[in-house]
Protein backbone atom coordinates (compact mmCIF):
# COMPACT_ATOMS: atom_id res chain seq x y z
CA UNK A 1 0.00 0.00 0.00
CA UNK A 2 2.81 2.42 0.85
CA UNK A 3 4.54 1.71 -2.44
CA UNK A 4 1.35 2.51 -4.38
CA UNK A 5 0.86 5.73 -2.45
CA UNK A 6 4.47 6.76 -3.01
CA UNK A 7 4.15 5.96 -6.72
CA UNK A 8 1.05 8.12 -6.99
CA UNK A 9 2.68 11.01 -5.14
CA UNK A 10 5.79 10.80 -7.33
CA UNK A 11 3.69 10.66 -10.51
CA UNK A 12 1.73 13.68 -9.33
CA UNK A 13 4.92 15.65 -8.73
CA UNK A 14 6.26 14.75 -12.16
CA UNK A 15 2.97 15.76 -13.77
CA UNK A 16 2.93 19.06 -11.88
CA UNK A 17 6.48 19.90 -12.94
CA UNK A 18 5.98 18.94 -16.59
CA UNK A 19 5.46 21.78 -19.05
CA UNK A 20 1.76 22.48 -19.37
CA UNK A 21 1.71 23.50 -23.01
CA UNK A 22 3.28 22.38 -26.24
CA UNK A 23 5.39 24.83 -28.22
CA UNK A 24 3.46 26.41 -31.05
CA UNK A 25 5.14 26.93 -34.41
CA UNK A 26 5.99 30.57 -35.06
CA UNK A 27 5.12 32.62 -38.11
CA UNK A 28 6.67 31.71 -41.45
CA UNK A 29 9.86 33.36 -42.73
CA UNK A 30 7.86 35.31 -45.34
CA UNK A 31 5.65 36.90 -42.70
CA UNK A 32 8.70 37.87 -40.61
CA UNK A 33 10.45 39.46 -43.59
CA UNK A 34 7.35 41.52 -44.47
CA UNK A 35 7.17 43.21 -41.05
CA UNK A 36 9.00 46.46 -40.44
CA UNK A 37 11.55 46.56 -37.60
CA UNK A 38 10.07 47.89 -34.37
CA UNK A 39 11.77 49.00 -31.15
CA UNK A 40 10.45 46.90 -28.27
CA UNK A 41 11.01 47.52 -24.60
CA UNK A 42 11.58 44.39 -22.54
CA UNK A 43 9.28 44.08 -19.53
CA UNK A 44 9.71 41.66 -16.64
CA UNK A 45 6.87 39.13 -16.74
CA UNK A 46 6.20 36.79 -13.84
CA UNK A 47 6.99 33.23 -14.89
CA UNK A 48 4.36 30.53 -14.98
CA UNK A 49 4.67 27.37 -12.96
CA UNK A 50 6.93 26.76 -10.00
CA UNK A 51 9.89 28.85 -9.02
CA UNK A 52 13.28 27.17 -9.18
CA UNK A 53 13.63 27.04 -5.39
CA UNK A 54 10.24 25.39 -4.94
CA UNK A 55 11.00 22.85 -7.66
CA UNK A 56 14.33 21.97 -6.04
CA UNK A 57 12.63 21.46 -2.66
CA UNK A 58 10.00 19.17 -4.21
CA UNK A 59 12.57 17.13 -6.13
CA UNK A 60 14.79 16.85 -3.04
CA UNK A 61 11.86 15.70 -0.93
CA UNK A 62 10.91 13.11 -3.54
CA UNK A 63 14.49 11.81 -3.67
CA UNK A 64 14.70 11.53 0.11
CA UNK A 65 11.42 9.61 0.14
CA UNK A 66 12.62 7.34 -2.66
CA UNK A 67 15.87 6.66 -0.77
CA UNK A 68 13.87 5.74 2.34
CA UNK A 69 11.73 3.29 0.38
CA UNK A 70 14.77 1.68 -1.25
CA UNK A 71 16.51 1.42 2.13
CA UNK A 72 13.50 -0.29 3.72
CA UNK A 73 13.14 -2.67 0.79
CA UNK A 74 16.79 -3.74 0.96
C-alpha atoms as a PDB file:
ATOM      1  CA  UNK A   1       0.000   0.000   0.000  1.00  0.00           C
ATOM      2  CA  UNK A   2       2.805   2.418   0.847  1.00  0.00           C
ATOM      3  CA  UNK A   3       4.535   1.712  -2.441  1.00  0.00           C
ATOM      4  CA  UNK A   4       1.350   2.507  -4.377  1.00  0.00           C
ATOM      5  CA  UNK A   5       0.858   5.727  -2.448  1.00  0.00           C
ATOM      6  CA  UNK A   6       4.470   6.756  -3.015  1.00  0.00           C
ATOM      7  CA  UNK A   7       4.151   5.961  -6.720  1.00  0.00           C
ATOM      8  CA  UNK A   8       1.049   8.119  -6.993  1.00  0.00           C
ATOM      9  CA  UNK A   9       2.684  11.011  -5.138  1.00  0.00           C
ATOM     10  CA  UNK A  10       5.793  10.798  -7.326  1.00  0.00           C
ATOM     11  CA  UNK A  11       3.693  10.656 -10.512  1.00  0.00           C
ATOM     12  CA  UNK A  12       1.735  13.681  -9.325  1.00  0.00           C
ATOM     13  CA  UNK A  13       4.923  15.648  -8.732  1.00  0.00           C
ATOM     14  CA  UNK A  14       6.264  14.749 -12.155  1.00  0.00           C
ATOM     15  CA  UNK A  15       2.975  15.756 -13.773  1.00  0.00           C
ATOM     16  CA  UNK A  16       2.932  19.062 -11.883  1.00  0.00           C
ATOM     17  CA  UNK A  17       6.482  19.899 -12.939  1.00  0.00           C
ATOM     18  CA  UNK A  18       5.984  18.937 -16.591  1.00  0.00           C
ATOM     19  CA  UNK A  19       5.464  21.783 -19.054  1.00  0.00           C
ATOM     20  CA  UNK A  20       1.764  22.476 -19.374  1.00  0.00           C
ATOM     21  CA  UNK A  21       1.705  23.502 -23.011  1.00  0.00           C
ATOM     22  CA  UNK A  22       3.276  22.375 -26.238  1.00  0.00           C
ATOM     23  CA  UNK A  23       5.391  24.832 -28.217  1.00  0.00           C
ATOM     24  CA  UNK A  24       3.457  26.412 -31.050  1.00  0.00           C
ATOM     25  CA  UNK A  25       5.136  26.932 -34.414  1.00  0.00           C
ATOM     26  CA  UNK A  26       5.987  30.573 -35.057  1.00  0.00           C
ATOM     27  CA  UNK A  27       5.121  32.615 -38.115  1.00  0.00           C
ATOM     28  CA  UNK A  28       6.673  31.712 -41.446  1.00  0.00           C
ATOM     29  CA  UNK A  29       9.858  33.360 -42.729  1.00  0.00           C
ATOM     30  CA  UNK A  30       7.857  35.308 -45.338  1.00  0.00           C
ATOM     31  CA  UNK A  31       5.650  36.905 -42.698  1.00  0.00           C
ATOM     32  CA  UNK A  32       8.695  37.870 -40.609  1.00  0.00           C
ATOM     33  CA  UNK A  33      10.447  39.464 -43.589  1.00  0.00           C
ATOM     34  CA  UNK A  34       7.352  41.519 -44.469  1.00  0.00           C
ATOM     35  CA  UNK A  35       7.167  43.209 -41.046  1.00  0.00           C
ATOM     36  CA  UNK A  36       9.000  46.456 -40.439  1.00  0.00           C
ATOM     37  CA  UNK A  37      11.549  46.562 -37.598  1.00  0.00           C
ATOM     38  CA  UNK A  38      10.074  47.889 -34.372  1.00  0.00           C
ATOM     39  CA  UNK A  39      11.771  49.000 -31.147  1.00  0.00           C
ATOM     40  CA  UNK A  40      10.448  46.900 -28.270  1.00  0.00           C
ATOM     41  CA  UNK A  41      11.011  47.516 -24.598  1.00  0.00           C
ATOM     42  CA  UNK A  42      11.579  44.387 -22.541  1.00  0.00           C
ATOM     43  CA  UNK A  43       9.277  44.078 -19.527  1.00  0.00           C
ATOM     44  CA  UNK A  44       9.711  41.655 -16.641  1.00  0.00           C
ATOM     45  CA  UNK A  45       6.873  39.134 -16.740  1.00  0.00           C
ATOM     46  CA  UNK A  46       6.203  36.789 -13.837  1.00  0.00           C
ATOM     47  CA  UNK A  47       6.991  33.232 -14.889  1.00  0.00           C
ATOM     48  CA  UNK A  48       4.365  30.531 -14.977  1.00  0.00           C
ATOM     49  CA  UNK A  49       4.669  27.366 -12.963  1.00  0.00           C
ATOM     50  CA  UNK A  50       6.925  26.759  -9.995  1.00  0.00           C
ATOM     51  CA  UNK A  51       9.890  28.850  -9.020  1.00  0.00           C
ATOM     52  CA  UNK A  52      13.284  27.175  -9.175  1.00  0.00           C
ATOM     53  CA  UNK A  53      13.630  27.037  -5.390  1.00  0.00           C
ATOM     54  CA  UNK A  54      10.241  25.390  -4.935  1.00  0.00           C
ATOM     55  CA  UNK A  55      10.998  22.854  -7.662  1.00  0.00           C
ATOM     56  CA  UNK A  56      14.331  21.972  -6.040  1.00  0.00           C
ATOM     57  CA  UNK A  57      12.632  21.462  -2.661  1.00  0.00           C
ATOM     58  CA  UNK A  58      10.002  19.170  -4.212  1.00  0.00           C
ATOM     59  CA  UNK A  59      12.574  17.132  -6.126  1.00  0.00           C
ATOM     60  CA  UNK A  60      14.785  16.848  -3.041  1.00  0.00           C
ATOM     61  CA  UNK A  61      11.861  15.695  -0.934  1.00  0.00           C
ATOM     62  CA  UNK A  62      10.906  13.105  -3.536  1.00  0.00           C
ATOM     63  CA  UNK A  63      14.488  11.807  -3.674  1.00  0.00           C
ATOM     64  CA  UNK A  64      14.695  11.528   0.111  1.00  0.00           C
ATOM     65  CA  UNK A  65      11.416   9.607   0.140  1.00  0.00           C
ATOM     66  CA  UNK A  66      12.625   7.344  -2.658  1.00  0.00           C
ATOM     67  CA  UNK A  67      15.872   6.657  -0.768  1.00  0.00           C
ATOM     68  CA  UNK A  68      13.875   5.742   2.344  1.00  0.00           C
ATOM     69  CA  UNK A  69      11.729   3.295   0.376  1.00  0.00           C
ATOM     70  CA  UNK A  70      14.774   1.683  -1.246  1.00  0.00           C
ATOM     71  CA  UNK A  71      16.514   1.421   2.133  1.00  0.00           C
ATOM     72  CA  UNK A  72      13.497  -0.286   3.715  1.00  0.00           C
ATOM     73  CA  UNK A  73      13.136  -2.670   0.795  1.00  0.00           C
ATOM     74  CA  UNK A  74      16.789  -3.739   0.962  1.00  0.00           C
END
